[in-house]
Structure formats: structure tokens, C-alpha cells
PDB file of N, CA and C in Angstrom:
ATOM      1  N   MET A   1     -75.387-243.682-118.355  1.00  0.00           N
ATOM      2  CA  MET A   1     -76.338-244.069-117.336  1.00  0.00           C
ATOM      3  C   MET A   1     -76.583-242.943-116.337  1.00  0.00           C
ATOM      4  N   ARG A   2     -75.528-242.245-115.994  1.00  0.00           N
ATOM      5  CA  ARG A   2     -75.680-241.139-115.011  1.00  0.00           C
ATOM      6  C   ARG A   2     -76.624-240.060-115.520  1.00  0.00           C
ATOM      7  N   HIS A   3     -76.540-239.764-116.791  1.00  0.00           N
ATOM      8  CA  HIS A   3     -77.367-238.698-117.361  1.00  0.00           C
ATOM      9  C   HIS A   3     -78.856-239.015-117.194  1.00  0.00           C
ATOM     10  N   LYS A   4     -79.263-240.258-117.414  1.00  0.00           N
ATOM     11  CA  LYS A   4     -80.667-240.645-117.254  1.00  0.00           C
ATOM     12  C   LYS A   4     -81.153-240.476-115.831  1.00  0.00           C
ATOM     13  N   GLN A   5     -80.314-240.850-114.868  1.00  0.00           N
ATOM     14  CA  GLN A   5     -80.719-240.726-113.475  1.00  0.00           C
ATOM     15  C   GLN A   5     -81.005-239.289-113.093  1.00  0.00           C
ATOM     16  N   ARG A   6     -80.246-238.373-113.644  1.00  0.00           N
ATOM     17  CA  ARG A   6     -80.441-236.975-113.346  1.00  0.00           C
ATOM     18  C   ARG A   6     -81.676-236.397-114.027  1.00  0.00           C
ATOM     19  N   SER A   7     -82.019-236.877-115.216  1.00  0.00           N
ATOM     20  CA  SER A   7     -83.112-236.297-115.961  1.00  0.00           C
ATOM     21  C   SER A   7     -84.489-236.721-115.405  1.00  0.00           C
ATOM     22  N   ILE A   8     -84.570-237.891-114.744  1.00  0.00           N
ATOM     23  CA  ILE A   8     -85.855-238.332-114.232  1.00  0.00           C
ATOM     24  C   ILE A   8     -86.381-237.381-113.138  1.00  0.00           C
ATOM     25  N   PRO A   9     -85.579-237.005-112.125  1.00  0.00           N
ATOM     26  CA  PRO A   9     -86.106-236.057-111.143  1.00  0.00           C
ATOM     27  C   PRO A   9     -86.470-234.720-111.803  1.00  0.00           C
ATOM     28  N   ASN A  10     -85.684-234.272-112.770  1.00  0.00           N
ATOM     29  CA  ASN A  10     -86.003-233.014-113.435  1.00  0.00           C
ATOM     30  C   ASN A  10     -87.338-233.117-114.140  1.00  0.00           C
ATOM     31  N   ARG A  11     -87.610-234.252-114.777  1.00  0.00           N
ATOM     32  CA  ARG A  11     -88.887-234.433-115.471  1.00  0.00           C
ATOM     33  C   ARG A  11     -90.026-234.438-114.454  1.00  0.00           C
ATOM     34  N   SER A  12     -89.808-235.091-113.331  1.00  0.00           N
ATOM     35  CA  SER A  12     -90.804-235.120-112.292  1.00  0.00           C
ATOM     36  C   SER A  12     -91.137-233.709-111.784  1.00  0.00           C
ATOM     37  N   PHE A  13     -90.093-232.876-111.608  1.00  0.00           N
ATOM     38  CA  PHE A  13     -90.318-231.487-111.175  1.00  0.00           C
ATOM     39  C   PHE A  13     -91.050-230.711-112.258  1.00  0.00           C
ATOM     40  N   ARG A  14     -90.696-230.927-113.514  1.00  0.00           N
ATOM     41  CA  ARG A  14     -91.370-230.227-114.614  1.00  0.00           C
ATOM     42  C   ARG A  14     -92.840-230.600-114.678  1.00  0.00           C
ATOM     43  N   VAL A  15     -93.130-231.902-114.519  1.00  0.00           N
ATOM     44  CA  VAL A  15     -94.520-232.370-114.545  1.00  0.00           C
ATOM     45  C   VAL A  15     -95.298-231.770-113.379  1.00  0.00           C
ATOM     46  N   ALA A  16     -94.705-231.804-112.181  1.00  0.00           N
ATOM     47  CA  ALA A  16     -95.344-231.229-110.985  1.00  0.00           C
ATOM     48  C   ALA A  16     -95.629-229.741-111.184  1.00  0.00           C
ATOM     49  N   ASP A  17     -94.662-229.034-111.760  1.00  0.00           N
ATOM     50  CA  ASP A  17     -94.788-227.592-111.999  1.00  0.00           C
ATOM     51  C   ASP A  17     -95.921-227.323-113.005  1.00  0.00           C
ATOM     52  N   GLN A  18     -95.997-228.132-114.060  1.00  0.00           N
ATOM     53  CA  GLN A  18     -97.060-227.959-115.063  1.00  0.00           C
ATOM     54  C   GLN A  18     -98.411-228.278-114.460  1.00  0.00           C
ATOM     55  N   ILE A  19     -98.483-229.311-113.641  1.00  0.00           N
ATOM     56  CA  ILE A  19     -99.759-229.675-112.970  1.00  0.00           C
ATOM     57  C   ILE A  19    -100.194-228.509-112.078  1.00  0.00           C
ATOM     58  N   GLN A  20     -99.238-227.911-111.360  1.00  0.00           N
ATOM     59  CA  GLN A  20     -99.530-226.778-110.458  1.00  0.00           C
ATOM     60  C   GLN A  20    -100.137-225.630-111.276  1.00  0.00           C
ATOM     61  N   ARG A  21     -99.518-225.290-112.404  1.00  0.00           N
ATOM     62  CA  ARG A  21    -100.032-224.177-113.226  1.00  0.00           C
ATOM     63  C   ARG A  21    -101.393-224.473-113.812  1.00  0.00           C
ATOM     64  N   ASP A  22    -101.558-225.681-114.353  1.00  0.00           N
ATOM     65  CA  ASP A  22    -102.826-226.059-114.984  1.00  0.00           C
ATOM     66  C   ASP A  22    -103.950-226.150-113.967  1.00  0.00           C
ATOM     67  N   LEU A  23    -103.668-226.697-112.788  1.00  0.00           N
ATOM     68  CA  LEU A  23    -104.687-226.801-111.753  1.00  0.00           C
ATOM     69  C   LEU A  23    -105.166-225.422-111.295  1.00  0.00           C
ATOM     70  N   ALA A  24    -104.255-224.494-111.203  1.00  0.00           N
ATOM     71  CA  ALA A  24    -104.624-223.119-110.792  1.00  0.00           C
ATOM     72  C   ALA A  24    -105.698-222.571-111.757  1.00  0.00           C
ATOM     73  N   GLU A  25    -105.532-222.835-113.044  1.00  0.00           N
ATOM     74  CA  GLU A  25    -106.517-222.370-114.039  1.00  0.00           C
ATOM     75  C   GLU A  25    -107.798-223.182-113.949  1.00  0.00           C
ATOM     76  N   LEU A  26    -107.675-224.496-113.832  1.00  0.00           N
ATOM     77  CA  LEU A  26    -108.867-225.374-113.823  1.00  0.00           C
ATOM     78  C   LEU A  26    -109.726-225.132-112.584  1.00  0.00           C
ATOM     79  N   ILE A  27    -109.108-224.880-111.432  1.00  0.00           N
ATOM     80  CA  ILE A  27    -109.863-224.692-110.194  1.00  0.00           C
ATOM     81  C   ILE A  27    -110.745-223.450-110.284  1.00  0.00           C
ATOM     82  N   ARG A  28    -110.284-222.451-111.016  1.00  0.00           N
ATOM     83  CA  ARG A  28    -111.088-221.222-111.185  1.00  0.00           C
ATOM     84  C   ARG A  28    -112.385-221.489-111.890  1.00  0.00           C
ATOM     85  N   THR A  29    -112.478-222.589-112.654  1.00  0.00           N
ATOM     86  CA  THR A  29    -113.728-222.886-113.389  1.00  0.00           C
ATOM     87  C   THR A  29    -114.750-223.640-112.537  1.00  0.00           C
ATOM     88  N   LEU A  30    -114.346-224.091-111.340  1.00  0.00           N
ATOM     89  CA  LEU A  30    -115.252-224.848-110.481  1.00  0.00           C
ATOM     90  C   LEU A  30    -116.336-223.945-109.896  1.00  0.00           C
ATOM     91  N   LYS A  31    -117.524-224.496-109.800  1.00  0.00           N
ATOM     92  CA  LYS A  31    -118.677-223.705-109.304  1.00  0.00           C
ATOM     93  C   LYS A  31    -119.017-224.026-107.861  1.00  0.00           C
ATOM     94  N   ASP A  32    -118.279-224.921-107.212  1.00  0.00           N
ATOM     95  CA  ASP A  32    -118.561-225.336-105.850  1.00  0.00           C
ATOM     96  C   ASP A  32    -118.356-224.175-104.898  1.00  0.00           C
ATOM     97  N   PRO A  33    -119.386-223.783-104.117  1.00  0.00           N
ATOM     98  CA  PRO A  33    -119.262-222.637-103.214  1.00  0.00           C
ATOM     99  C   PRO A  33    -118.274-222.854-102.054  1.00  0.00           C
ATOM    100  N   ARG A  34    -117.943-224.131-101.796  1.00  0.00           N
ATOM    101  CA  ARG A  34    -116.975-224.427-100.716  1.00  0.00           C
ATOM    102  C   ARG A  34    -115.554-224.049-101.116  1.00  0.00           C
ATOM    103  N   ILE A  35    -115.324-223.993-102.418  1.00  0.00           N
ATOM    104  CA  ILE A  35    -113.967-223.720-102.921  1.00  0.00           C
ATOM    105  C   ILE A  35    -113.836-222.214-103.127  1.00  0.00           C
ATOM    106  N   GLY A  36    -113.062-221.601-102.252  1.00  0.00           N
ATOM    107  CA  GLY A  36    -112.880-220.162-102.322  1.00  0.00           C
ATOM    108  C   GLY A  36    -111.669-219.776-103.169  1.00  0.00           C
ATOM    109  N   MET A  37    -110.986-218.738-102.705  1.00  0.00           N
ATOM    110  CA  MET A  37    -109.818-218.231-103.426  1.00  0.00           C
ATOM    111  C   MET A  37    -108.606-219.095-103.056  1.00  0.00           C
ATOM    112  N   VAL A  38    -108.378-220.107-103.865  1.00  0.00           N
ATOM    113  CA  VAL A  38    -107.354-221.114-103.612  1.00  0.00           C
ATOM    114  C   VAL A  38    -106.040-220.760-104.316  1.00  0.00           C
ATOM    115  N   THR A  39    -104.940-220.960-103.602  1.00  0.00           N
ATOM    116  CA  THR A  39    -103.621-220.867-104.199  1.00  0.00           C
ATOM    117  C   THR A  39    -102.969-222.215-104.101  1.00  0.00           C
ATOM    118  N   ILE A  40    -102.467-222.720-105.230  1.00  0.00           N
ATOM    119  CA  ILE A  40    -101.759-224.012-105.233  1.00  0.00           C
ATOM    120  C   ILE A  40    -100.315-223.690-104.876  1.00  0.00           C
ATOM    121  N   ASN A  41     -99.881-224.162-103.694  1.00  0.00           N
ATOM    122  CA  ASN A  41     -98.517-223.873-103.200  1.00  0.00           C
ATOM    123  C   ASN A  41     -97.475-224.834-103.757  1.00  0.00           C
ATOM    124  N   ALA A  42     -97.832-226.093-103.861  1.00  0.00           N
ATOM    125  CA  ALA A  42     -96.872-227.107-104.324  1.00  0.00           C
ATOM    126  C   ALA A  42     -97.608-228.349-104.777  1.00  0.00           C
ATOM    127  N   VAL A  43     -96.927-229.122-105.631  1.00  0.00           N
ATOM    128  CA  VAL A  43     -97.429-230.421-106.072  1.00  0.00           C
ATOM    129  C   VAL A  43     -96.291-231.415-105.950  1.00  0.00           C
ATOM    130  N   GLU A  44     -96.557-232.529-105.293  1.00  0.00           N
ATOM    131  CA  GLU A  44     -95.566-233.607-105.155  1.00  0.00           C
ATOM    132  C   GLU A  44     -96.110-234.816-105.911  1.00  0.00           C
ATOM    133  N   VAL A  45     -95.368-235.227-106.929  1.00  0.00           N
ATOM    134  CA  VAL A  45     -95.781-236.362-107.760  1.00  0.00           C
ATOM    135  C   VAL A  45     -94.969-237.598-107.383  1.00  0.00           C
ATOM    136  N   THR A  46     -95.648-238.754-107.241  1.00  0.00           N
ATOM    137  CA  THR A  46     -94.926-239.987-106.955  1.00  0.00           C
ATOM    138  C   THR A  46     -94.067-240.356-108.157  1.00  0.00           C
ATOM    139  N   PRO A  47     -92.980-241.114-107.946  1.00  0.00           N
ATOM    140  CA  PRO A  47     -92.062-241.468-109.042  1.00  0.00           C
ATOM    141  C   PRO A  47     -92.780-242.166-110.223  1.00  0.00           C
ATOM    142  N   ASP A  48     -93.845-242.921-109.951  1.00  0.00           N
ATOM    143  CA  ASP A  48     -94.552-243.614-111.049  1.00  0.00           C
ATOM    144  C   ASP A  48     -95.691-242.761-111.642  1.00  0.00           C
ATOM    145  N   TYR A  49     -95.817-241.518-111.200  1.00  0.00           N
ATOM    146  CA  TYR A  49     -96.842-240.591-111.673  1.00  0.00           C
ATOM    147  C   TYR A  49     -98.269-241.053-111.389  1.00  0.00           C
ATOM    148  N   ALA A  50     -98.453-241.987-110.461  1.00  0.00           N
ATOM    149  CA  ALA A  50     -99.769-242.512-110.156  1.00  0.00           C
ATOM    150  C   ALA A  50    -100.563-241.555-109.250  1.00  0.00           C
ATOM    151  N   HIS A  51     -99.863-240.844-108.369  1.00  0.00           N
ATOM    152  CA  HIS A  51    -100.531-239.960-107.419  1.00  0.00           C
ATOM    153  C   HIS A  51     -99.799-238.638-107.325  1.00  0.00           C
ATOM    154  N   ALA A  52    -100.579-237.595-107.026  1.00  0.00           N
ATOM    155  CA  ALA A  52    -100.001-236.283-106.773  1.00  0.00           C
ATOM    156  C   ALA A  52    -100.657-235.660-105.566  1.00  0.00           C
ATOM    157  N   LYS A  53     -99.830-235.242-104.605  1.00  0.00           N
ATOM    158  CA  LYS A  53    -100.331-234.480-103.452  1.00  0.00           C
ATOM    159  C   LYS A  53    -100.293-233.027-103.857  1.00  0.00           C
ATOM    160  N   VAL A  54    -101.439-232.382-103.739  1.00  0.00           N
ATOM    161  CA  VAL A  54    -101.574-230.964-104.114  1.00  0.00           C
ATOM    162  C   VAL A  54    -101.780-230.155-102.855  1.00  0.00           C
ATOM    163  N   PHE A  55    -100.798-229.310-102.512  1.00  0.00           N
ATOM    164  CA  PHE A  55    -100.883-228.490-101.309  1.00  0.00           C
ATOM    165  C   PHE A  55    -101.430-227.125-101.679  1.00  0.00           C
ATOM    166  N   PHE A  56    -102.474-226.698-100.985  1.00  0.00           N
ATOM    167  CA  PHE A  56    -103.103-225.426-101.290  1.00  0.00           C
ATOM    168  C   PHE A  56    -103.277-224.590-100.048  1.00  0.00           C
ATOM    169  N   SER A  57    -103.353-223.283-100.261  1.00  0.00           N
ATOM    170  CA  SER A  57    -103.707-222.376 -99.176  1.00  0.00           C
ATOM    171  C   SER A  57    -104.988-221.646 -99.625  1.00  0.00           C
ATOM    172  N   LEU A  58    -105.618-221.013 -98.653  1.00  0.00           N
ATOM    173  CA  LEU A  58    -106.937-220.431 -98.895  1.00  0.00           C
ATOM    174  C   LEU A  58    -106.966-219.011 -98.329  1.00  0.00           C
ATOM    175  N   LEU A  59    -107.358-218.068 -99.157  1.00  0.00           N
ATOM    176  CA  LEU A  59    -107.427-216.674 -98.709  1.00  0.00           C
ATOM    177  C   LEU A  59    -108.650-216.461 -97.819  1.00  0.00           C
ATOM    178  N   VAL A  60    -109.803-216.976 -98.285  1.00  0.00           N
ATOM    179  CA  VAL A  60    -111.069-216.830 -97.550  1.00  0.00           C
ATOM    180  C   VAL A  60    -111.782-218.157 -97.568  1.00  0.00           C
ATOM    181  N   GLY A  61    -112.363-218.550 -96.439  1.00  0.00           N
ATOM    182  CA  GLY A  61    -113.181-219.759 -96.417  1.00  0.00           C
ATOM    183  C   GLY A  61    -112.680-220.759 -95.400  1.00  0.00           C
ATOM    184  N   ASP A  62    -113.380-221.886 -95.327  1.00  0.00           N
ATOM    185  CA  ASP A  62    -113.069-222.951 -94.400  1.00  0.00           C
ATOM    186  C   ASP A  62    -112.138-223.966 -95.065  1.00  0.00           C
ATOM    187  N   PRO A  63    -110.928-224.152 -94.542  1.00  0.00           N
ATOM    188  CA  PRO A  63    -109.980-225.087 -95.190  1.00  0.00           C
ATOM    189  C   PRO A  63    -110.511-226.510 -95.335  1.00  0.00           C
ATOM    190  N   ALA A  64    -111.199-227.020 -94.299  1.00  0.00           N
ATOM    191  CA  ALA A  64    -111.702-228.400 -94.357  1.00  0.00           C
ATOM    192  C   ALA A  64    -112.787-228.548 -95.437  1.00  0.00           C
ATOM    193  N   GLU A  65    -113.679-227.570 -95.508  1.00  0.00           N
ATOM    194  CA  GLU A  65    -114.746-227.587 -96.524  1.00  0.00           C
ATOM    195  C   GLU A  65    -114.144-227.477 -97.935  1.00  0.00           C
ATOM    196  N   CYS A  66    -113.173-226.602 -98.062  1.00  0.00           N
ATOM    197  CA  CYS A  66    -112.533-226.398 -99.360  1.00  0.00           C
ATOM    198  C   CYS A  66    -111.802-227.672 -99.776  1.00  0.00           C
ATOM    199  N   GLN A  67    -111.077-228.298 -98.829  1.00  0.00           N
ATOM    200  CA  GLN A  67    -110.352-229.528 -99.127  1.00  0.00           C
ATOM    201  C   GLN A  67    -111.342-230.613 -99.577  1.00  0.00           C
ATOM    202  N   ALA A  68    -112.486-230.727 -98.901  1.00  0.00           N
ATOM    203  CA  ALA A  68    -113.495-231.705 -99.285  1.00  0.00           C
ATOM    204  C   ALA A  68    -114.012-231.425-100.688  1.00  0.00           C
ATOM    205  N   GLY A  69    -114.275-230.171-100.985  1.00  0.00           N
ATOM    206  CA  GLY A  69    -114.755-229.807-102.322  1.00  0.00           C
ATOM    207  C   GLY A  69    -113.728-230.117-103.414  1.00  0.00           C
ATOM    208  N   LEU A  70    -112.468-229.795-103.126  1.00  0.00           N
ATOM    209  CA  LEU A  70    -111.420-230.054-104.113  1.00  0.00           C
ATOM    210  C   LEU A  70    -111.249-231.561-104.339  1.00  0.00           C
ATOM    211  N   ASN A  71    -111.285-232.328-103.255  1.00  0.00           N
ATOM    212  CA  ASN A  71    -111.119-233.762-103.414  1.00  0.00           C
ATOM    213  C   ASN A  71    -112.309-234.401-104.129  1.00  0.00           C
ATOM    214  N   GLU A  72    -113.503-233.832-103.954  1.00  0.00           N
ATOM    215  CA  GLU A  72    -114.660-234.301-104.708  1.00  0.00           C
ATOM    216  C   GLU A  72    -114.548-233.976-106.185  1.00  0.00           C
ATOM    217  N   ALA A  73    -113.893-232.843-106.476  1.00  0.00           N
ATOM    218  CA  ALA A  73    -113.712-232.396-107.881  1.00  0.00           C
ATOM    219  C   ALA A  73    -112.444-232.986-108.505  1.00  0.00           C
ATOM    220  N   ALA A  74    -111.707-233.801-107.747  1.00  0.00           N
ATOM    221  CA  ALA A  74    -110.417-234.293-108.241  1.00  0.00           C
ATOM    222  C   ALA A  74    -110.537-235.033-109.555  1.00  0.00           C
ATOM    223  N   GLY A  75    -111.577-235.845-109.730  1.00  0.00           N
ATOM    224  CA  GLY A  75    -111.760-236.576-111.010  1.00  0.00           C
ATOM    225  C   GLY A  75    -111.975-235.628-112.174  1.00  0.00           C
ATOM    226  N   PHE A  76    -112.808-234.606-111.959  1.00  0.00           N
ATOM    227  CA  PHE A  76    -113.048-233.615-112.996  1.00  0.00           C
ATOM    228  C   PHE A  76    -111.748-232.870-113.351  1.00  0.00           C
ATOM    229  N   LEU A  77    -111.024-232.476-112.299  1.00  0.00           N
ATOM    230  CA  LEU A  77    -109.762-231.757-112.514  1.00  0.00           C
ATOM    231  C   LEU A  77    -108.731-232.637-113.228  1.00  0.00           C
ATOM    232  N   ARG A  78    -108.693-233.919-112.865  1.00  0.00           N
ATOM    233  CA  ARG A  78    -107.780-234.867-113.510  1.00  0.00           C
ATOM    234  C   ARG A  78    -108.100-234.990-114.993  1.00  0.00           C
ATOM    235  N   ASN A  79    -109.400-235.044-115.337  1.00  0.00           N
ATOM    236  CA  ASN A  79    -109.796-235.100-116.744  1.00  0.00           C
ATOM    237  C   ASN A  79    -109.333-233.857-117.478  1.00  0.00           C
ATOM    238  N   GLY A  80    -109.424-232.699-116.813  1.00  0.00           N
ATOM    239  CA  GLY A  80    -108.942-231.461-117.421  1.00  0.00           C
ATOM    240  C   GLY A  80    -107.439-231.518-117.653  1.00  0.00           C
ATOM    241  N   LEU A  81    -106.703-232.138-116.744  1.00  0.00           N
ATOM    242  CA  LEU A  81    -105.267-232.270-116.916  1.00  0.00           C
ATOM    243  C   LEU A  81    -104.939-233.227-118.068  1.00  0.00           C
ATOM    244  N   PHE A  82    -105.743-234.297-118.242  1.00  0.00           N
ATOM    245  CA  PHE A  82    -105.539-235.226-119.341  1.00  0.00           C
ATOM    246  C   PHE A  82    -105.500-234.485-120.687  1.00  0.00           C
ATOM    247  N   LYS A  83    -106.399-233.506-120.833  1.00  0.00           N
ATOM    248  CA  LYS A  83    -106.483-232.749-122.072  1.00  0.00           C
ATOM    249  C   LYS A  83    -105.305-231.791-122.269  1.00  0.00           C
ATOM    250  N   ARG A  84    -104.671-231.391-121.163  1.00  0.00           N
ATOM    251  CA  ARG A  84    -103.594-230.389-121.226  1.00  0.00           C
ATOM    252  C   ARG A  84    -102.197-230.953-121.225  1.00  0.00           C
ATOM    253  N   LEU A  85    -101.999-232.023-120.467  1.00  0.00           N
ATOM    254  CA  LEU A  85    -100.655-232.567-120.275  1.00  0.00           C
ATOM    255  C   LEU A  85    -100.300-233.551-121.375  1.00  0.00           C
ATOM    256  N   GLN A  86     -99.053-233.522-121.760  1.00  0.00           N
ATOM    257  CA  GLN A  86     -98.568-234.457-122.792  1.00  0.00           C
ATOM    258  C   GLN A  86     -97.803-235.588-122.107  1.00  0.00           C
ATOM    259  N   ILE A  87     -98.467-236.258-121.148  1.00  0.00           N
ATOM    260  CA  ILE A  87     -97.830-237.408-120.496  1.00  0.00           C
ATOM    261  C   ILE A  87     -98.766-238.590-120.536  1.00  0.00           C
ATOM    262  N   HIS A  88     -98.168-239.769-120.451  1.00  0.00           N
ATOM    263  CA  HIS A  88     -98.907-241.030-120.572  1.00  0.00           C
ATOM    264  C   HIS A  88     -99.859-241.239-119.379  1.00  0.00           C
ATOM    265  N   THR A  89     -99.369-240.970-118.172  1.00  0.00           N
ATOM    266  CA  THR A  89    -100.149-241.193-116.965  1.00  0.00           C
ATOM    267  C   THR A  89    -100.381-239.865-116.257  1.00  0.00           C
ATOM    268  N   VAL A  90    -101.628-239.491-116.063  1.00  0.00           N
ATOM    269  CA  VAL A  90    -101.964-238.308-115.287  1.00  0.00           C
ATOM    270  C   VAL A  90    -102.303-238.804-113.877  1.00  0.00           C
ATOM    271  N   PRO A  91    -101.628-238.265-112.861  1.00  0.00           N
ATOM    272  CA  PRO A  91    -101.810-238.801-111.516  1.00  0.00           C
ATOM    273  C   PRO A  91    -103.195-238.539-110.916  1.00  0.00           C
ATOM    274  N   THR A  92    -103.565-239.400-109.991  1.00  0.00           N
ATOM    275  CA  THR A  92    -104.768-239.187-109.171  1.00  0.00           C
ATOM    276  C   THR A  92    -104.402-238.058-108.189  1.00  0.00           C
ATOM    277  N   LEU A  93    -105.303-237.085-108.072  1.00  0.00           N
ATOM    278  CA  LEU A  93    -105.024-235.909-107.259  1.00  0.00           C
ATOM    279  C   LEU A  93    -105.548-236.062-105.828  1.00  0.00           C
ATOM    280  N   HIS A  94    -104.692-235.655-104.893  1.00  0.00           N
ATOM    281  CA  HIS A  94    -105.054-235.668-103.470  1.00  0.00           C
ATOM    282  C   HIS A  94    -104.765-234.274-102.910  1.00  0.00           C
ATOM    283  N   PHE A  95    -105.819-233.535-102.585  1.00  0.00           N
ATOM    284  CA  PHE A  95    -105.641-232.167-102.098  1.00  0.00           C
ATOM    285  C   PHE A  95    -105.442-232.138-100.598  1.00  0.00           C
ATOM    286  N   GLN A  96    -104.501-231.288-100.159  1.00  0.00           N
ATOM    287  CA  GLN A  96    -104.202-231.174 -98.748  1.00  0.00           C
ATOM    288  C   GLN A  96    -103.966-229.690 -98.404  1.00  0.00           C
ATOM    289  N   PHE A  97    -104.660-229.218 -97.378  1.00  0.00           N
ATOM    290  CA  PHE A  97    -104.488-227.833 -96.940  1.00  0.00           C
ATOM    291  C   PHE A  97    -103.078-227.646 -96.416  1.00  0.00           C
ATOM    292  N   ASP A  98    -102.427-226.579 -96.892  1.00  0.00           N
ATOM    293  CA  ASP A  98    -101.039-226.274 -96.494  1.00  0.00           C
ATOM    294  C   ASP A  98    -101.071-225.173 -95.448  1.00  0.00           C
ATOM    295  N   LYS A  99    -100.657-225.538 -94.231  1.00  0.00           N
ATOM    296  CA  LYS A  99    -100.719-224.591 -93.111  1.00  0.00           C
ATOM    297  C   LYS A  99     -99.505-223.669 -93.044  1.00  0.00           C
ATOM    298  N   THR A 100     -98.604-223.784 -93.993  1.00  0.00           N
ATOM    299  CA  THR A 100     -97.370-222.984 -93.958  1.00  0.00           C
ATOM    300  C   THR A 100     -97.672-221.477 -93.902  1.00  0.00           C
ATOM    301  N   THR A 101     -98.547-221.005 -94.775  1.00  0.00           N
ATOM    302  CA  THR A 101     -98.882-219.577 -94.819  1.00  0.00           C
ATOM    303  C   THR A 101     -99.546-219.130 -93.518  1.00  0.00           C
ATOM    304  N   GLU A 102    -100.465-219.968 -93.045  1.00  0.00           N
ATOM    305  CA  GLU A 102    -101.157-219.690 -91.786  1.00  0.00           C
ATOM    306  C   GLU A 102    -100.157-219.620 -90.618  1.00  0.00           C
ATOM    307  N   ASN A 103     -99.244-220.587 -90.573  1.00  0.00           N
ATOM    308  CA  ASN A 103     -98.238-220.594 -89.505  1.00  0.00           C
ATOM    309  C   ASN A 103     -97.301-219.393 -89.578  1.00  0.00           C
ATOM    310  N   ALA A 104     -96.959-218.983 -90.776  1.00  0.00           N
ATOM    311  CA  ALA A 104     -96.098-217.815 -90.960  1.00  0.00           C
ATOM    312  C   ALA A 104     -96.786-216.555 -90.448  1.00  0.00           C
ATOM    313  N   ALA A 105     -98.077-216.424 -90.733  1.00  0.00           N
ATOM    314  CA  ALA A 105     -98.816-215.252 -90.253  1.00  0.00           C
ATOM    315  C   ALA A 105     -98.871-215.237 -88.717  1.00  0.00           C
ATOM    316  N   GLU A 106     -99.070-216.410 -88.118  1.00  0.00           N
ATOM    317  CA  GLU A 106     -99.099-216.496 -86.646  1.00  0.00           C
ATOM    318  C   GLU A 106     -97.738-216.131 -86.053  1.00  0.00           C
ATOM    319  N   LEU A 107     -96.663-216.632 -86.676  1.00  0.00           N
ATOM    320  CA  LEU A 107     -95.318-216.302 -86.202  1.00  0.00           C
ATOM    321  C   LEU A 107     -95.030-214.812 -86.324  1.00  0.00           C
ATOM    322  N   ASN A 108     -95.444-214.214 -87.432  1.00  0.00           N
ATOM    323  CA  ASN A 108     -95.243-212.774 -87.614  1.00  0.00           C
ATOM    324  C   ASN A 108     -95.995-211.971 -86.542  1.00  0.00           C
ATOM    325  N   ALA A 109     -97.204-212.415 -86.216  1.00  0.00           N
ATOM    326  CA  ALA A 109     -97.987-211.735 -85.183  1.00  0.00           C
ATOM    327  C   ALA A 109     -97.287-211.858 -83.828  1.00  0.00           C
ATOM    328  N   LEU A 110     -96.755-213.054 -83.512  1.00  0.00           N
ATOM    329  CA  LEU A 110     -96.031-213.237 -82.253  1.00  0.00           C
ATOM    330  C   LEU A 110     -94.767-212.378 -82.198  1.00  0.00           C
ATOM    331  N   ILE A 111     -94.053-212.284 -83.303  1.00  0.00           N
ATOM    332  CA  ILE A 111     -92.829-211.455 -83.363  1.00  0.00           C
ATOM    333  C   ILE A 111     -93.177-209.992 -83.154  1.00  0.00           C
ATOM    334  N   ARG A 112     -94.247-209.516 -83.825  1.00  0.00           N
ATOM    335  CA  ARG A 112     -94.681-208.135 -83.639  1.00  0.00           C
ATOM    336  C   ARG A 112     -95.067-207.865 -82.201  1.00  0.00           C
ATOM    337  N   GLN A 113     -95.790-208.821 -81.605  1.00  0.00           N
ATOM    338  CA  GLN A 113     -96.214-208.672 -80.217  1.00  0.00           C
ATOM    339  C   GLN A 113     -95.012-208.631 -79.274  1.00  0.00           C
ATOM    340  N   ALA A 114     -94.027-209.493 -79.505  1.00  0.00           N
ATOM    341  CA  ALA A 114     -92.816-209.521 -78.653  1.00  0.00           C
ATOM    342  C   ALA A 114     -92.024-208.235 -78.823  1.00  0.00           C
ATOM    343  N   ASN A 115     -91.923-207.739 -80.073  1.00  0.00           N
ATOM    344  CA  ASN A 115     -91.201-206.485 -80.314  1.00  0.00           C
ATOM    345  C   ASN A 115     -91.888-205.289 -79.640  1.00  0.00           C
ATOM    346  N   SER A 116     -93.229-205.236 -79.720  1.00  0.00           N
ATOM    347  CA  SER A 116     -93.920-204.123 -79.101  1.00  0.00           C
ATOM    348  C   SER A 116     -93.835-204.196 -77.586  1.00  0.00           C
ATOM    349  N   THR A 117     -93.864-205.407 -77.033  1.00  0.00           N
ATOM    350  CA  THR A 117     -93.693-205.568 -75.568  1.00  0.00           C
ATOM    351  C   THR A 117     -92.293-205.119 -75.161  1.00  0.00           C
ATOM    352  N   ARG A 118     -91.288-205.521 -75.935  1.00  0.00           N
ATOM    353  CA  ARG A 118     -89.909-205.116 -75.641  1.00  0.00           C
ATOM    354  C   ARG A 118     -89.729-203.604 -75.764  1.00  0.00           C
ATOM    355  N   ALA A 119     -90.360-202.983 -76.729  1.00  0.00           N
ATOM    356  CA  ALA A 119     -90.262-201.536 -76.912  1.00  0.00           C
ATOM    357  C   ALA A 119     -90.877-200.812 -75.727  1.00  0.00           C
ATOM    358  N   LYS A 120     -92.018-201.343 -75.207  1.00  0.00           N
ATOM    359  CA  LYS A 120     -92.639-200.717 -74.038  1.00  0.00           C
ATOM    360  C   LYS A 120     -91.763-200.842 -72.796  1.00  0.00           C
ATOM    361  N   GLU A 121     -91.085-202.001 -72.672  1.00  0.00           N
ATOM    362  CA  GLU A 121     -90.210-202.215 -71.502  1.00  0.00           C
ATOM    363  C   GLU A 121     -88.973-201.336 -71.539  1.00  0.00           C
ATOM    364  N   ASP A 122     -88.490-201.064 -72.760  1.00  0.00           N
ATOM    365  CA  ASP A 122     -87.296-200.201 -72.905  1.00  0.00           C
ATOM    366  C   ASP A 122     -87.676-198.759 -72.701  1.00  0.00           C
TER     367      ASP A 122
END
């Protein structure tokens, strides 16, 4: 019984990882001008595989517009996943802009600014 409990989370991670890789390829085929250079940072799949939260970052463009475009294309992308994934249930996709990269850049800028201020004071 213990072995089965451990394999379910591993399967969930494998499915999420495969969805992440396949979505990265499928998104490149979209023609929507709102969807810029998207990076899929993470995918969280619910235990029943009914839903997947897809966290993305954006190199260029408006995050809100891109998120709207991706969520409008979610059905098309899900159909693409149906053809690629060997699982019974392909989750409904919910795209969410991931501010982690943006926040890290802001923190780095603040650290650089603090270091240069400290260097001037010394």
C-alpha cells in the first residue's frame, strides 16, 4: 500500500512536467498577437487531473493581455495536449502570470542600488 501512495505524486509531477514541455511547443504555434515570448515556469495539476494552473512569464508584452489570450486559447491548447499525452483525462488549463521573475529583477535592482549607495558612502 505504501508504494502506491508514493507513486501517485510522482505521476502527478511527471504529468505536470510533460504538460509544461508540450505547452511550450504548442504556444509557439499560436497566432494571437497578444501572446508574446512566453516561458512556462510551472504547471500545478489537481489530484484528479481535472484542472491545471499554468504559470508563465513574459519577456516582452503586456502580462494581462497575454494571460487573456492564453486563456482564450486554452481549449485549443488542451486539444493539442489530448493528441500528445497518454492519459485518460487532460486537465482544463488556467493560465496565470508568474511575477516571480519580475520580482527577482526588482530585488536585484534594489540590491545594486543599495550596494552602489554604500560604495559611495564608504
